[in-house]
Amino acid sequence: MRPYTLFCDSTCDLPEERLAKMDCKILHLSFEIDGQSYTTEEISMQEFYRRMREDAVTKTSQISVGVCEDAFEAEIKKGNDVLYLAFSSGLSGTYNSALVAKDHLLEQYPDARIEVVDSLAASSGEGLLLIYAEQKKREGMTIDQLRDWLEVSRYRICHVFTVDDLKYLFRGGRVSRAAALAGTVLGIKPVLNVDNDGHLIPQDKVRGRKKSIERLGQMIRDRKGSHPNPIVTISHGDCIQDAKFAEAMMKEIFGQDTEVVIAYTGPVIGAHSGPGTLALFFWGDYR
């Protein structure tokens, strides 16, 4: 049995110090601000969100076939197989890029193994699935076992989130212009989740920021079931105080010993959800 390398991508939105300790490799989606390309190493998250608040134009790009191919081939040449946990196909073409790269490489390396799993997840929901996957790999799961585990378990990683300003979802086509304008005038905050196809789905509308966060807590209680949650994750669009409030809420729900991993919503997701995004992720009975 050949060793294998676990890949994920930069939309997993986990703290850099945590990723540095994990046995996985990260592929990077790219983004632009006012026409200039950046990597996450070249601009801080605070600066990114400051620019967004000043109405900078942000764009994102999926990982190309060539980037996937080069990364996977480097591991194959080392004698390693590849398992890639990809950003949701419901939100990006990155998964399809990886499938094309896989087909190209298997023509050259027919004895190699390349497994590509659609996470059907985003941001630190994808990150939470990666945390579990990396643990399973360290515990000795084979590439087949981990692929099968991921394909079943991805439907249990729940995403619930809210945004502070609807104009960013409007720009991305997620809400109508009328809804965005009404939300701004009336202080209406949408509450959303990610469905089993990896798409963003509106669930509710509430008035006021605090009530929107409390509604997230109710959604967690409804979905969490009896499965233990030793780790949960939070991502935020430069709103750390709201994230801390949510951390306390999640510890109340899951127990004080639960580890809560907090990270910025990275630029690829944040470009579409905007400053003030608050997203909570956990293992539950249903999405």
Protein backbone atom coordinates (compact mmCIF):
# COMPACT_ATOMS: atom_id res chain seq x y z
CA MET A 1 0.00 0.00 0.00
CA ARG A 2 1.54 3.29 -1.13
CA PRO A 3 1.48 6.31 1.19
CA TYR A 4 -0.86 9.13 0.22
CA THR A 5 -0.91 12.89 0.54
CA LEU A 6 -4.01 14.74 1.74
CA PHE A 7 -4.81 17.97 -0.10
CA CYS A 8 -7.35 20.68 0.59
CA ASP A 9 -7.61 24.29 -0.56
CA SER A 10 -7.37 27.77 0.88
CA THR A 11 -11.13 28.12 1.27
CA CYS A 12 -10.94 25.84 4.32
CA ASP A 13 -10.39 29.00 6.40
CA LEU A 14 -8.42 27.54 9.30
CA PRO A 15 -5.80 29.49 11.29
CA GLU A 16 -2.38 29.33 9.67
CA GLU A 17 -0.77 28.09 12.87
CA ARG A 18 -3.16 25.14 12.96
CA LEU A 19 -2.64 24.27 9.29
CA ALA A 20 1.12 24.35 9.83
CA LYS A 21 0.80 21.49 12.32
CA MET A 22 -1.46 19.37 10.11
CA ASP A 23 -0.36 16.63 7.71
CA CYS A 24 -1.92 18.14 4.59
CA LYS A 25 -1.10 20.40 1.67
CA ILE A 26 -3.11 23.48 0.66
CA LEU A 27 -3.86 24.69 -2.87
CA HIS A 28 -4.68 28.38 -3.20
CA LEU A 29 -7.58 30.02 -4.97
CA SER A 30 -6.76 33.54 -6.13
CA PHE A 31 -8.52 36.87 -5.64
CA GLU A 32 -8.36 40.43 -6.90
CA ILE A 33 -9.00 43.80 -5.30
CA ASP A 34 -9.67 46.61 -7.77
CA GLY A 35 -8.03 44.59 -10.53
CA GLN A 36 -4.85 43.71 -8.64
CA SER A 37 -4.15 40.08 -7.80
CA TYR A 38 -3.19 39.10 -4.27
CA THR A 39 -2.39 36.07 -2.19
CA THR A 40 -3.28 35.77 1.48
CA GLU A 41 0.41 36.23 2.26
CA GLU A 42 0.43 39.65 0.58
CA ILE A 43 -2.49 41.32 2.38
CA SER A 44 -3.83 41.02 5.88
CA MET A 45 -7.43 40.08 6.48
CA GLN A 46 -7.99 43.38 8.28
CA GLU A 47 -6.76 45.26 5.21
CA PHE A 48 -8.85 43.12 2.89
CA TYR A 49 -12.05 43.89 4.79
CA ARG A 50 -11.14 47.55 5.17
CA ARG A 51 -10.88 47.75 1.38
CA MET A 52 -14.23 46.02 1.01
CA ARG A 53 -15.86 48.50 3.38
CA GLU A 54 -14.53 51.24 1.11
CA ASP A 55 -16.35 49.59 -1.82
CA ALA A 56 -13.33 48.04 -3.50
CA VAL A 57 -14.24 45.67 -6.35
CA THR A 58 -13.32 42.10 -5.43
CA LYS A 59 -13.13 39.07 -7.70
CA THR A 60 -12.13 35.46 -7.14
CA SER A 61 -10.89 32.64 -9.35
CA GLN A 62 -11.07 28.88 -9.01
CA ILE A 63 -7.96 26.71 -8.93
CA SER A 64 -6.91 25.90 -12.48
CA VAL A 65 -6.41 22.45 -13.96
CA GLY A 66 -2.70 23.21 -14.32
CA VAL A 67 -2.22 24.09 -10.64
CA CYS A 68 -3.96 20.87 -9.59
CA GLU A 69 -1.98 18.84 -12.08
CA ASP A 70 1.39 20.23 -10.99
CA ALA A 71 0.64 19.69 -7.29
CA PHE A 72 -0.64 16.14 -7.72
CA GLU A 73 2.16 15.16 -10.11
CA ALA A 74 4.81 16.29 -7.62
CA GLU A 75 3.43 13.82 -5.08
CA ILE A 76 3.07 11.01 -7.62
CA LYS A 77 6.74 11.42 -8.56
CA LYS A 78 7.60 10.95 -4.86
CA GLY A 79 5.73 7.65 -4.87
CA ASN A 80 2.66 9.02 -3.09
CA ASP A 81 -1.00 8.69 -3.98
CA VAL A 82 -3.30 11.72 -3.67
CA LEU A 83 -6.59 12.42 -1.87
CA TYR A 84 -7.95 15.89 -2.54
CA LEU A 85 -10.78 17.34 -0.44
CA ALA A 86 -12.14 20.06 -2.72
CA PHE A 87 -14.14 23.25 -2.19
CA SER A 88 -17.88 22.69 -2.76
CA SER A 89 -18.83 22.12 -6.39
CA GLY A 90 -21.98 24.12 -5.58
CA LEU A 91 -19.87 27.25 -5.17
CA SER A 92 -16.78 26.81 -7.36
CA GLY A 93 -15.43 25.00 -10.40
CA THR A 94 -12.33 23.91 -8.47
CA TYR A 95 -13.66 20.36 -7.97
CA ASN A 96 -14.11 19.97 -11.73
CA SER A 97 -10.60 21.31 -12.36
CA ALA A 98 -9.25 18.60 -10.08
CA LEU A 99 -11.19 15.89 -11.94
CA VAL A 100 -9.76 17.04 -15.28
CA ALA A 101 -6.26 17.08 -13.76
CA LYS A 102 -6.81 13.57 -12.42
CA ASP A 103 -7.77 12.26 -15.86
CA HIS A 104 -4.73 13.86 -17.48
CA LEU A 105 -2.34 12.44 -14.91
CA LEU A 106 -3.72 8.92 -14.95
CA GLU A 107 -2.96 8.78 -18.67
CA GLN A 108 0.71 9.38 -17.81
CA TYR A 109 0.77 7.47 -14.50
CA PRO A 110 -1.74 4.62 -14.82
CA ASP A 111 -0.57 3.00 -11.57
CA ALA A 112 -1.16 6.13 -9.49
CA ARG A 113 -4.16 6.70 -7.24
CA ILE A 114 -5.84 10.10 -7.27
CA GLU A 115 -9.06 10.44 -5.29
CA VAL A 116 -11.02 13.71 -5.50
CA VAL A 117 -13.81 14.25 -2.97
CA ASP A 118 -16.30 17.10 -3.28
CA SER A 119 -16.52 18.46 0.28
CA LEU A 120 -19.90 20.10 -0.45
CA ALA A 121 -18.61 22.52 2.18
CA ALA A 122 -17.18 26.00 2.42
CA SER A 123 -15.04 28.15 4.69
CA SER A 124 -14.40 26.68 8.13
CA GLY A 125 -17.04 24.03 7.43
CA GLU A 126 -14.64 22.64 4.86
CA GLY A 127 -11.97 23.28 7.50
CA LEU A 128 -13.82 21.25 10.12
CA LEU A 129 -14.15 18.34 7.69
CA LEU A 130 -10.42 18.65 6.97
CA ILE A 131 -9.60 18.56 10.70
CA TYR A 132 -11.48 15.28 11.06
CA ALA A 133 -10.00 13.87 7.84
CA GLU A 134 -6.45 14.65 8.89
CA GLN A 135 -7.06 12.98 12.25
CA LYS A 136 -8.41 9.87 10.52
CA LYS A 137 -5.35 9.77 8.27
CA ARG A 138 -3.03 9.99 11.28
CA GLU A 139 -5.00 7.17 12.93
CA GLY A 140 -4.19 4.94 9.97
CA MET A 141 -7.12 5.11 7.58
CA THR A 142 -6.18 4.02 4.07
CA ILE A 143 -6.92 6.26 1.11
CA ASP A 144 -10.00 4.15 0.27
CA GLN A 145 -11.27 4.21 3.83
CA LEU A 146 -10.83 7.96 4.16
CA ARG A 147 -12.45 8.65 0.79
CA ASP A 148 -15.46 6.54 1.78
CA TRP A 149 -15.63 8.18 5.23
CA LEU A 150 -15.56 11.66 3.70
CA GLU A 151 -18.27 10.88 1.15
CA VAL A 152 -20.63 9.87 3.97
CA SER A 153 -19.57 12.34 6.67
CA ARG A 154 -19.63 15.50 4.53
CA TYR A 155 -23.42 15.62 4.85
CA ARG A 156 -23.12 15.92 8.63
CA ILE A 157 -20.96 19.06 8.61
CA CYS A 158 -23.53 21.79 9.22
CA HIS A 159 -23.10 25.41 8.13
CA VAL A 160 -25.24 28.20 9.59
CA PHE A 161 -24.37 31.84 9.02
CA THR A 162 -25.51 35.41 8.78
CA VAL A 163 -24.19 38.54 7.10
CA ASP A 164 -24.23 42.15 8.22
CA ASP A 165 -24.91 43.82 4.87
CA LEU A 166 -27.00 42.27 2.10
CA LYS A 167 -25.32 44.25 -0.68
CA TYR A 168 -22.52 41.70 -1.00
CA LEU A 169 -24.94 38.81 -1.41
CA PHE A 170 -26.82 40.94 -3.94
CA ARG A 171 -23.66 41.45 -5.97
CA GLY A 172 -23.21 37.68 -6.02
CA GLY A 173 -26.79 37.11 -7.12
CA ARG A 174 -27.89 35.54 -3.82
CA VAL A 175 -30.59 38.09 -3.00
CA SER A 176 -32.62 40.56 -5.06
CA ARG A 177 -31.93 44.29 -5.22
CA ALA A 178 -35.21 44.95 -3.42
CA ALA A 179 -34.27 42.58 -0.58
CA ALA A 180 -30.85 44.20 -0.27
CA LEU A 181 -32.32 47.70 -0.08
CA ALA A 182 -35.00 46.65 2.40
CA GLY A 183 -32.42 44.92 4.54
CA THR A 184 -30.27 48.04 4.68
CA VAL A 185 -33.19 50.34 5.58
CA LEU A 186 -34.90 48.01 8.06
CA GLY A 187 -31.86 46.34 9.58
CA ILE A 188 -32.98 42.90 8.35
CA LYS A 189 -30.32 40.22 8.59
CA PRO A 190 -30.60 37.01 6.56
CA VAL A 191 -29.84 33.65 8.15
CA LEU A 192 -28.57 31.00 5.76
CA ASN A 193 -27.24 27.48 5.63
CA VAL A 194 -25.49 25.20 3.12
CA ASP A 195 -27.60 22.36 1.73
CA ASN A 196 -26.63 18.81 0.75
CA ASP A 197 -25.62 19.99 -2.72
CA GLY A 198 -23.23 22.57 -1.28
CA HIS A 199 -25.35 25.60 -2.18
CA LEU A 200 -26.13 28.62 0.01
CA ILE A 201 -29.80 28.56 1.02
CA PRO A 202 -31.68 31.38 2.82
CA GLN A 203 -33.45 30.07 5.93
CA ASP A 204 -34.86 33.08 7.72
CA LYS A 205 -34.81 36.86 8.10
CA VAL A 206 -34.58 38.60 11.45
CA ARG A 207 -34.26 42.21 12.49
CA GLY A 208 -31.03 43.15 14.23
CA ARG A 209 -27.58 41.66 14.54
CA LYS A 210 -27.92 40.11 18.00
CA LYS A 211 -31.16 38.38 17.05
CA SER A 212 -29.57 36.97 13.92
CA ILE A 213 -26.77 35.39 15.98
CA GLU A 214 -29.26 34.02 18.49
CA ARG A 215 -31.20 32.52 15.57
CA LEU A 216 -28.02 30.71 14.52
CA GLY A 217 -27.90 29.21 18.00
CA GLN A 218 -31.45 27.93 17.62
CA MET A 219 -30.59 26.36 14.28
CA ILE A 220 -27.65 24.59 15.93
CA ARG A 221 -29.87 23.23 18.70
CA ASP A 222 -32.35 21.97 16.10
CA ARG A 223 -29.70 20.18 14.04
CA LYS A 224 -27.01 18.97 16.42
CA GLY A 225 -28.55 15.68 17.52
CA SER A 226 -26.63 13.53 19.98
CA HIS A 227 -23.32 13.23 18.11
CA PRO A 228 -20.39 14.55 20.16
CA ASN A 229 -18.73 17.74 18.96
CA PRO A 230 -15.23 17.85 20.47
CA ILE A 231 -14.35 20.53 17.89
CA VAL A 232 -16.49 23.23 16.27
CA THR A 233 -15.39 26.07 14.03
CA ILE A 234 -16.30 29.73 13.51
CA SER A 235 -15.32 32.04 10.68
CA HIS A 236 -15.88 35.79 10.73
CA GLY A 237 -15.59 38.71 8.34
CA ASP A 238 -13.55 41.01 10.60
CA CYS A 239 -16.08 40.94 13.46
CA ILE A 240 -14.14 39.23 16.24
CA GLN A 241 -16.42 40.42 19.05
CA ASP A 242 -19.40 38.75 17.39
CA ALA A 243 -17.28 35.63 16.94
CA LYS A 244 -16.45 35.65 20.67
CA PHE A 245 -20.15 36.01 21.49
CA ALA A 246 -20.85 33.03 19.23
CA GLU A 247 -18.01 31.07 20.85
CA ALA A 248 -19.64 31.43 24.26
CA MET A 249 -22.99 30.41 22.78
CA MET A 250 -21.52 27.29 21.17
CA LYS A 251 -19.79 26.27 24.38
CA GLU A 252 -23.12 26.63 26.16
CA ILE A 253 -24.73 24.36 23.55
CA PHE A 254 -22.00 21.73 23.20
CA GLY A 255 -20.22 21.93 26.54
CA GLN A 256 -17.41 23.99 28.01
CA ASP A 257 -14.77 21.42 27.01
CA THR A 258 -15.58 21.82 23.32
CA GLU A 259 -12.69 23.28 21.33
CA VAL A 260 -13.81 26.29 19.31
CA VAL A 261 -11.53 27.14 16.38
CA ILE A 262 -11.97 30.76 15.25
CA ALA A 263 -10.58 32.12 11.98
CA TYR A 264 -11.18 34.88 9.50
CA THR A 265 -13.53 34.18 6.62
CA GLY A 266 -10.89 34.19 3.91
CA PRO A 267 -10.94 36.48 0.88
CA VAL A 268 -12.42 33.94 -1.54
CA ILE A 269 -15.56 33.50 0.57
CA GLY A 270 -15.44 36.97 2.09
CA ALA A 271 -15.44 38.64 -1.33
CA HIS A 272 -19.00 37.38 -1.77
CA SER A 273 -20.33 37.50 1.81
CA GLY A 274 -18.70 40.75 2.93
CA PRO A 275 -17.52 42.27 6.21
CA GLY A 276 -19.56 41.18 9.19
CA THR A 277 -20.08 37.64 7.98
CA LEU A 278 -20.44 35.24 10.90
CA ALA A 279 -20.53 31.50 10.19
CA LEU A 280 -20.76 28.59 12.64
CA PHE A 281 -19.91 24.98 11.82
CA PHE A 282 -20.53 21.75 13.68
CA TRP A 283 -21.36 18.05 13.29
CA GLY A 284 -25.12 17.54 13.23
CA ASP A 285 -27.96 15.24 12.24
CA TYR A 286 -28.81 17.19 9.11
CA ARG A 287 -27.87 20.33 7.23
